[in-house]
Amino acid sequence: MISEVLKTALPLAEMTIIKRDFDLLQKVFSALSSQVNTYLTPYLALFCYEVIGYINRQGTDIRIEQTSRYSIKDMRQKAKFFDLRISKLLQSIENVDRLQNDYFINLMRFPFLGYWNIHTNIGIFFDDEKHIVGNTHYAYYLFQDEKSISQPKETMDSVELEGNELKAFSISSALSRLSDFITADVYDNSVQLHSQDFNTNRCIEERMGKYKYIRLFLLHVLSSIGFVLYYVKKIVIRDTGLLLRLEYITYHYALIRLEGILQYCKSNTGMIDDANLIQALERLNCSSASGLIKTAFRNCMMHFSLMSDDGEPLIQEDKLDLSVPFCGLIESQFNMTYSEYKEKIESALEEIYAILNNYLGFDLLLCEEN
């Protein structure tokens, strides 16, 4: 049974966490390069959607008028890395690849020569150490309707990129009375980005089509991990919880999707004849998260409630402390400090990134002078 102390303290902790997240989120978005700032859009949508729901549950009715075809509710789903079954996931990647290929062919002076594949159709963004932090295919996907983009290519409706961004930072100012004395901050323009273009059609036999889309999916996972780990982390000076939230969401859904891809490859060896791919995915050991994942904790990262679905508090009374990120949630759930848990999540992400990067082999292809 929840104590009177926690009944009073948990709502304050929840609002403190919301305030901290939105303070830093606003600063991070403002500091991001225009080349990759679309990668933050699903997280912006997720946080805005969840905070609106949280405030509504407290008895204050908030309604957001939709002025774009991209709703906050739909956009937030993109934070889950292709929230589709594997066949639909690969179909989405195939459709994005085809749409982007057609787009760049039409930009050619002589589009009828597109079948020569002398053009490029995907751009990859990376830092000075060649950490991949984004690519244009995934940025394009973020703004597509999930139902349309995952249809078989024969029936898929044409979808165009509208390019509107989701911004809703008034939530932060509305909670100004909960401000901390020491706040999070970011470095401006501290990460130098480079870009390089490729053509995804080259060196691929027709029978290896599914392999190409799996390779593109792995690039999307690599880009998403790199964006959080080697871009956002580098610009954050003092993290108050937001960075770990982004890292955990990335880690959680990357494991789920990669495990799905592994099972798909094992079930379709005729189409995916690559022992090195299977070996790389098995090395990730997606089914074992080394005690870093809990359902209740995942719900806290995707939502802002500090209560379980059963109505139990997720922070122990003796560990409640508003001076630390997440106010004692990490200490209660994993019996370790915030810094210790964050270090383990980052280490796990670094391992996933290294395995995927080693398999994809982009280190040998990227040139910093581009």
Protein backbone atom coordinates (compact mmCIF):
# COMPACT_ATOMS: atom_id res chain seq x y z
CA MET A 1 0.00 0.00 0.00
CA ILE A 2 1.36 3.41 -0.98
CA SER A 3 2.31 5.66 1.91
CA GLU A 4 1.01 9.17 2.39
CA VAL A 5 4.53 10.50 1.85
CA LEU A 6 4.78 8.91 -1.59
CA LYS A 7 1.24 9.98 -2.50
CA THR A 8 2.37 13.55 -2.03
CA ALA A 9 5.93 13.25 -3.31
CA LEU A 10 5.51 11.19 -6.50
CA PRO A 11 3.46 13.80 -8.42
CA LEU A 12 6.12 16.38 -7.55
CA ALA A 13 8.84 14.00 -8.76
CA GLU A 14 6.92 13.36 -12.00
CA MET A 15 6.57 17.06 -12.72
CA THR A 16 10.22 17.67 -11.83
CA ILE A 17 11.29 15.00 -14.34
CA ILE A 18 9.02 16.49 -17.02
CA LYS A 19 10.44 19.95 -16.41
CA ARG A 20 14.04 18.73 -16.61
CA ASP A 21 13.42 16.72 -19.78
CA PHE A 22 11.79 19.59 -21.63
CA ASP A 23 14.39 22.13 -20.51
CA LEU A 24 17.17 20.00 -21.97
CA LEU A 25 15.13 18.87 -24.98
CA GLN A 26 14.65 22.47 -26.05
CA LYS A 27 18.36 23.18 -25.76
CA VAL A 28 19.37 20.00 -27.59
CA PHE A 29 17.02 20.67 -30.49
CA SER A 30 18.30 24.23 -30.85
CA ALA A 31 21.91 23.01 -30.91
CA LEU A 32 21.44 20.22 -33.46
CA SER A 33 22.71 20.52 -37.01
CA SER A 34 19.97 20.90 -39.61
CA GLN A 35 21.44 17.83 -41.30
CA VAL A 36 20.18 15.51 -38.57
CA ASN A 37 17.69 17.41 -36.41
CA THR A 38 14.78 15.43 -37.92
CA TYR A 39 16.07 12.43 -35.91
CA LEU A 40 14.86 14.15 -32.75
CA THR A 41 11.33 14.69 -34.09
CA PRO A 42 9.87 11.33 -32.91
CA TYR A 43 11.20 11.98 -29.40
CA LEU A 44 9.74 15.49 -29.42
CA ALA A 45 6.40 14.03 -30.46
CA LEU A 46 6.61 11.25 -27.85
CA PHE A 47 7.35 13.61 -24.99
CA CYS A 48 4.71 16.16 -26.02
CA TYR A 49 2.08 13.46 -26.46
CA GLU A 50 2.83 11.85 -23.11
CA VAL A 51 2.93 15.14 -21.20
CA ILE A 52 -0.39 16.22 -22.70
CA GLY A 53 -1.87 12.89 -21.59
CA TYR A 54 -0.31 13.28 -18.15
CA ILE A 55 -1.76 16.78 -17.68
CA ASN A 56 -5.17 15.64 -18.92
CA ARG A 57 -5.16 12.83 -16.34
CA GLN A 58 -4.57 15.45 -13.64
CA GLY A 59 -7.86 17.12 -14.56
CA THR A 60 -6.68 19.86 -16.93
CA ASP A 61 -8.07 19.45 -20.44
CA ILE A 62 -5.52 20.18 -23.19
CA ARG A 63 -6.39 19.78 -26.85
CA ILE A 64 -3.91 20.24 -29.68
CA GLU A 65 -5.29 21.40 -33.00
CA GLN A 66 -3.69 19.42 -35.81
CA THR A 67 -2.46 21.77 -38.54
CA SER A 68 -0.37 19.19 -40.39
CA ARG A 69 -1.07 15.73 -41.73
CA TYR A 70 1.61 14.52 -39.29
CA SER A 71 -0.12 14.06 -35.95
CA ILE A 72 1.86 14.00 -32.71
CA LYS A 73 0.29 10.61 -31.92
CA ASP A 74 1.46 9.04 -35.18
CA MET A 75 4.89 10.66 -35.17
CA ARG A 76 5.66 9.41 -31.65
CA GLN A 77 5.43 5.80 -32.91
CA LYS A 78 8.56 6.38 -34.99
CA ALA A 79 10.56 6.42 -31.74
CA LYS A 80 10.01 2.65 -31.68
CA PHE A 81 12.10 1.90 -34.80
CA PHE A 82 9.62 0.68 -37.40
CA ASP A 83 6.81 -0.47 -35.11
CA LEU A 84 5.81 -3.20 -37.58
CA ARG A 85 6.20 -6.93 -38.06
CA ILE A 86 9.41 -7.78 -39.91
CA SER A 87 7.83 -8.33 -43.34
CA LYS A 88 6.13 -4.92 -43.16
CA LEU A 89 9.32 -3.37 -41.80
CA LEU A 90 11.33 -4.58 -44.79
CA GLN A 91 8.55 -3.50 -47.17
CA SER A 92 8.72 0.02 -45.71
CA ILE A 93 12.47 0.13 -46.25
CA GLU A 94 12.06 -1.15 -49.82
CA ASN A 95 9.45 1.50 -50.58
CA VAL A 96 11.55 4.31 -49.11
CA ASP A 97 14.52 3.09 -51.12
CA ARG A 98 12.46 3.06 -54.32
CA LEU A 99 10.87 6.47 -53.70
CA GLN A 100 14.21 8.07 -52.93
CA ASN A 101 15.82 6.40 -55.94
CA ASP A 102 13.05 7.69 -58.24
CA TYR A 103 13.35 11.18 -56.74
CA PHE A 104 17.06 11.46 -57.47
CA ILE A 105 16.69 9.98 -60.92
CA ASN A 106 14.15 12.70 -61.73
CA LEU A 107 16.70 15.33 -60.66
CA MET A 108 19.14 14.09 -63.30
CA ARG A 109 19.63 16.10 -66.46
CA PHE A 110 18.81 12.95 -68.42
CA PRO A 111 16.46 10.91 -66.19
CA PHE A 112 16.06 8.20 -68.82
CA LEU A 113 19.64 7.17 -67.97
CA GLY A 114 18.63 6.34 -64.39
CA TYR A 115 18.94 2.62 -65.04
CA TRP A 116 22.69 3.16 -65.40
CA ASN A 117 22.84 3.84 -61.64
CA ILE A 118 25.37 6.61 -62.06
CA HIS A 119 23.38 8.73 -59.58
CA THR A 120 23.35 8.59 -55.77
CA ASN A 121 20.20 8.06 -53.71
CA ILE A 122 21.20 8.04 -50.03
CA GLY A 123 23.31 10.36 -47.91
CA ILE A 124 25.11 9.26 -44.75
CA PHE A 125 26.17 11.74 -42.05
CA PHE A 126 29.15 11.05 -39.78
CA ASP A 127 31.52 12.81 -37.39
CA ASP A 128 35.30 13.22 -37.41
CA GLU A 129 35.75 9.70 -35.98
CA LYS A 130 33.47 8.28 -38.71
CA HIS A 131 30.66 7.51 -36.27
CA ILE A 132 27.51 7.38 -38.39
CA VAL A 133 24.85 9.65 -36.86
CA GLY A 134 22.19 9.82 -39.57
CA ASN A 135 21.10 9.03 -43.10
CA THR A 136 18.62 10.56 -45.52
CA HIS A 137 16.48 7.43 -46.05
CA TYR A 138 15.56 7.23 -42.37
CA ALA A 139 14.93 10.97 -42.17
CA TYR A 140 12.55 10.60 -45.13
CA TYR A 141 10.81 7.61 -43.52
CA LEU A 142 10.07 9.57 -40.35
CA PHE A 143 7.61 11.76 -42.25
CA GLN A 144 5.75 9.01 -44.09
CA ASP A 145 2.39 7.55 -43.22
CA GLU A 146 3.10 4.11 -41.71
CA LYS A 147 0.17 2.36 -43.40
CA SER A 148 0.99 3.75 -46.84
CA ILE A 149 4.74 3.28 -46.74
CA SER A 150 4.45 -0.38 -45.66
CA GLN A 151 2.08 -1.39 -48.47
CA PRO A 152 3.25 -3.66 -51.31
CA LYS A 153 4.83 -1.40 -53.90
CA GLU A 154 2.13 -2.24 -56.47
CA THR A 155 -0.62 -0.75 -54.27
CA MET A 156 1.23 1.93 -52.30
CA ASP A 157 -0.06 5.47 -52.63
CA SER A 158 2.49 8.13 -53.51
CA VAL A 159 3.63 9.93 -50.38
CA GLU A 160 5.50 13.23 -50.39
CA LEU A 161 7.67 14.76 -47.70
CA GLU A 162 5.97 17.81 -46.21
CA GLY A 163 8.78 18.75 -43.84
CA ASN A 164 6.91 20.38 -40.96
CA GLU A 165 8.62 20.10 -37.59
CA LEU A 166 6.98 19.42 -34.24
CA LYS A 167 7.75 22.04 -31.64
CA ALA A 168 6.00 22.35 -28.28
CA PHE A 169 8.21 23.83 -25.61
CA SER A 170 5.62 25.91 -23.79
CA ILE A 171 5.29 22.91 -21.45
CA SER A 172 8.71 23.72 -20.02
CA SER A 173 7.92 27.35 -19.26
CA ALA A 174 4.60 26.35 -17.69
CA LEU A 175 6.54 24.42 -15.03
CA SER A 176 9.01 27.21 -14.31
CA ARG A 177 8.45 27.03 -10.53
CA LEU A 178 10.08 23.58 -10.54
CA SER A 179 13.36 24.82 -12.01
CA ASP A 180 16.62 23.44 -10.58
CA PHE A 181 19.43 25.66 -9.32
CA ILE A 182 21.92 23.80 -11.54
CA THR A 183 20.41 23.03 -14.94
CA ALA A 184 21.44 21.00 -17.96
CA ASP A 185 23.11 22.76 -20.84
CA VAL A 186 24.56 22.03 -24.27
CA TYR A 187 27.54 22.95 -26.39
CA ASP A 188 26.74 24.82 -29.58
CA ASN A 189 28.18 23.49 -32.84
CA SER A 190 30.54 21.16 -31.00
CA VAL A 191 30.23 18.25 -33.45
CA GLN A 192 31.57 18.65 -36.96
CA LEU A 193 29.54 16.58 -39.42
CA HIS A 194 30.49 15.25 -42.82
CA SER A 195 28.34 13.62 -45.46
CA GLN A 196 28.79 11.11 -48.24
CA ASP A 197 26.35 9.85 -50.86
CA PHE A 198 25.88 6.30 -52.12
CA ASN A 199 23.74 4.41 -54.60
CA THR A 200 21.94 1.53 -52.87
CA ASN A 201 21.41 -0.38 -56.14
CA ARG A 202 25.04 -1.07 -56.97
CA CYS A 203 26.65 -4.50 -56.58
CA ILE A 204 23.33 -6.19 -55.78
CA GLU A 205 21.96 -9.16 -57.69
CA GLU A 206 18.18 -9.28 -58.06
CA ARG A 207 17.94 -12.40 -55.89
CA MET A 208 19.65 -10.48 -53.06
CA GLY A 209 16.94 -7.81 -52.80
CA LYS A 210 15.89 -8.74 -49.28
CA TYR A 211 19.50 -8.62 -48.17
CA LYS A 212 19.75 -5.02 -49.38
CA TYR A 213 16.77 -3.99 -47.28
CA ILE A 214 18.13 -5.77 -44.21
CA ARG A 215 21.42 -3.95 -44.73
CA LEU A 216 19.53 -0.66 -44.98
CA PHE A 217 17.64 -1.50 -41.78
CA LEU A 218 20.91 -2.18 -39.96
CA LEU A 219 22.16 1.20 -41.23
CA HIS A 220 19.05 2.84 -39.76
CA VAL A 221 19.68 1.19 -36.37
CA LEU A 222 23.35 2.19 -36.56
CA SER A 223 22.39 5.77 -37.43
CA SER A 224 19.87 6.01 -34.58
CA ILE A 225 22.35 4.69 -32.01
CA GLY A 226 25.07 6.95 -33.39
CA PHE A 227 22.79 9.98 -33.29
CA VAL A 228 22.15 9.55 -29.55
CA LEU A 229 25.54 8.20 -28.51
CA TYR A 230 27.96 10.16 -30.69
CA TYR A 231 26.03 13.36 -31.35
CA VAL A 232 23.48 14.20 -28.65
CA LYS A 233 25.71 12.89 -25.85
CA LYS A 234 28.63 15.01 -27.11
CA ILE A 235 26.66 18.25 -26.98
CA VAL A 236 25.07 17.72 -23.53
CA ILE A 237 27.09 19.33 -20.74
CA ARG A 238 25.05 18.29 -17.71
CA ASP A 239 22.47 15.54 -18.22
CA THR A 240 19.43 15.69 -15.96
CA GLY A 241 17.84 12.47 -17.25
CA LEU A 242 16.86 13.17 -20.85
CA LEU A 243 19.99 11.64 -22.34
CA LEU A 244 19.50 8.35 -20.50
CA ARG A 245 15.83 8.33 -21.57
CA LEU A 246 16.88 8.65 -25.23
CA GLU A 247 19.58 6.01 -24.77
CA TYR A 248 17.22 3.56 -23.09
CA ILE A 249 14.47 3.95 -25.71
CA THR A 250 17.04 3.44 -28.45
CA TYR A 251 18.52 0.41 -26.70
CA HIS A 252 15.17 -1.21 -25.88
CA TYR A 253 13.68 -1.00 -29.37
CA ALA A 254 16.93 -1.74 -31.18
CA LEU A 255 17.12 -5.06 -29.30
CA ILE A 256 13.53 -5.94 -30.17
CA ARG A 257 13.90 -5.19 -33.88
CA LEU A 258 17.32 -6.84 -34.20
CA GLU A 259 16.03 -10.00 -32.54
CA GLY A 260 13.17 -9.99 -35.07
CA ILE A 261 15.61 -9.58 -37.96
CA LEU A 262 17.72 -12.46 -36.63
CA GLN A 263 14.73 -14.79 -36.52
CA TYR A 264 13.66 -13.65 -39.99
CA CYS A 265 17.13 -14.41 -41.41
CA LYS A 266 17.20 -17.85 -39.79
CA SER A 267 13.78 -18.63 -41.26
CA ASN A 268 14.69 -17.41 -44.75
CA THR A 269 18.16 -18.78 -45.36
CA GLY A 270 17.41 -19.14 -49.07
CA MET A 271 16.99 -15.38 -49.44
CA ILE A 272 19.55 -14.35 -46.82
CA ASP A 273 22.61 -16.46 -47.51
CA ASP A 274 25.14 -14.71 -45.28
CA ALA A 275 26.70 -16.55 -42.36
CA ASN A 276 28.51 -13.38 -41.25
CA LEU A 277 25.19 -11.55 -40.88
CA ILE A 278 23.75 -14.34 -38.71
CA GLN A 279 26.94 -14.43 -36.66
CA ALA A 280 26.87 -10.65 -36.11
CA LEU A 281 23.23 -10.67 -35.03
CA GLU A 282 23.81 -13.61 -32.68
CA ARG A 283 26.74 -11.78 -31.08
CA LEU A 284 24.30 -9.02 -30.10
CA ASN A 285 22.53 -11.54 -27.83
CA CYS A 286 19.31 -9.52 -28.11
CA SER A 287 17.27 -11.93 -26.02
CA SER A 288 19.44 -11.26 -22.96
CA ALA A 289 19.62 -7.64 -21.84
CA SER A 290 21.84 -8.35 -18.82
CA GLY A 291 19.28 -7.11 -16.32
CA LEU A 292 19.09 -3.65 -17.89
CA ILE A 293 15.50 -3.92 -19.13
CA LYS A 294 12.33 -4.06 -17.08
CA THR A 295 8.77 -3.64 -18.34
CA ALA A 296 7.84 -1.20 -15.59
CA PHE A 297 10.97 0.86 -16.21
CA ARG A 298 10.34 0.84 -19.97
CA ASN A 299 6.89 2.27 -19.26
CA CYS A 300 8.49 5.07 -17.24
CA MET A 301 10.84 5.88 -20.12
CA MET A 302 8.02 5.99 -22.68
CA HIS A 303 5.57 7.73 -20.35
CA PHE A 304 5.95 9.98 -17.31
CA SER A 305 4.09 8.08 -14.61
CA LEU A 306 6.07 6.75 -11.65
CA MET A 307 3.33 4.22 -10.83
CA SER A 308 3.12 0.68 -12.18
CA ASP A 309 0.11 -0.64 -14.08
CA ASP A 310 -0.94 -2.27 -10.77
CA GLY A 311 -0.92 1.08 -8.99
CA GLU A 312 2.31 0.44 -7.09
CA PRO A 313 4.96 3.19 -6.71
CA LEU A 314 8.12 2.54 -8.72
CA ILE A 315 10.30 4.63 -6.42
CA GLN A 316 10.97 3.35 -2.92
CA GLU A 317 10.32 5.85 -0.16
CA ASP A 318 13.84 5.59 1.23
CA LYS A 319 15.34 6.23 -2.22
CA LEU A 320 13.16 9.14 -3.29
CA ASP A 321 15.48 12.09 -3.94
CA LEU A 322 14.62 15.01 -6.23
CA SER A 323 18.27 16.04 -6.39
CA VAL A 324 19.20 13.12 -8.68
CA PRO A 325 18.02 12.41 -12.24
CA PHE A 326 14.70 10.49 -12.23
CA CYS A 327 14.40 11.24 -8.50
CA GLY A 328 15.44 7.76 -7.28
CA LEU A 329 13.79 5.62 -9.96
CA ILE A 330 17.07 4.04 -11.13
CA GLU A 331 18.19 3.35 -7.58
CA SER A 332 14.85 1.70 -6.77
CA GLN A 333 14.54 -0.40 -9.93
CA PHE A 334 18.13 -1.54 -10.47
CA ASN A 335 19.84 -1.07 -7.10
CA MET A 336 22.57 1.07 -8.63
CA THR A 337 23.21 4.78 -9.04
CA TYR A 338 22.05 6.78 -12.03
CA SER A 339 25.65 7.10 -13.26
CA GLU A 340 26.31 3.36 -12.91
CA TYR A 341 23.17 2.42 -14.82
CA LYS A 342 23.77 5.02 -17.52
CA GLU A 343 27.31 3.72 -18.00
CA LYS A 344 25.98 0.17 -18.50
CA ILE A 345 23.36 1.30 -21.06
CA GLU A 346 25.96 3.29 -22.97
CA SER A 347 28.37 0.35 -22.90
CA ALA A 348 25.64 -1.92 -24.31
CA LEU A 349 24.84 0.61 -27.05
CA GLU A 350 28.53 0.95 -27.90
CA GLU A 351 28.77 -2.82 -28.27
CA ILE A 352 25.74 -2.96 -30.58
CA TYR A 353 27.12 -0.07 -32.62
CA ALA A 354 30.57 -1.67 -32.91
CA ILE A 355 29.17 -5.05 -34.03
CA LEU A 356 26.86 -3.52 -36.64
CA ASN A 357 29.48 -1.07 -37.84
CA ASN A 358 32.07 -3.83 -38.18
CA TYR A 359 29.62 -5.93 -40.20
CA LEU A 360 28.46 -3.09 -42.48
CA GLY A 361 32.04 -1.93 -43.07
CA PHE A 362 31.38 1.77 -43.62
CA ASP A 363 34.66 2.73 -41.95
CA LEU A 364 36.39 1.76 -45.19
CA LEU A 365 33.95 3.74 -47.37
CA LEU A 366 33.53 7.10 -45.61
CA CYS A 367 35.82 10.00 -46.52
CA GLU A 368 36.03 12.93 -44.11
CA GLU A 369 36.85 15.51 -46.78
CA ASN A 370 33.37 15.13 -48.31
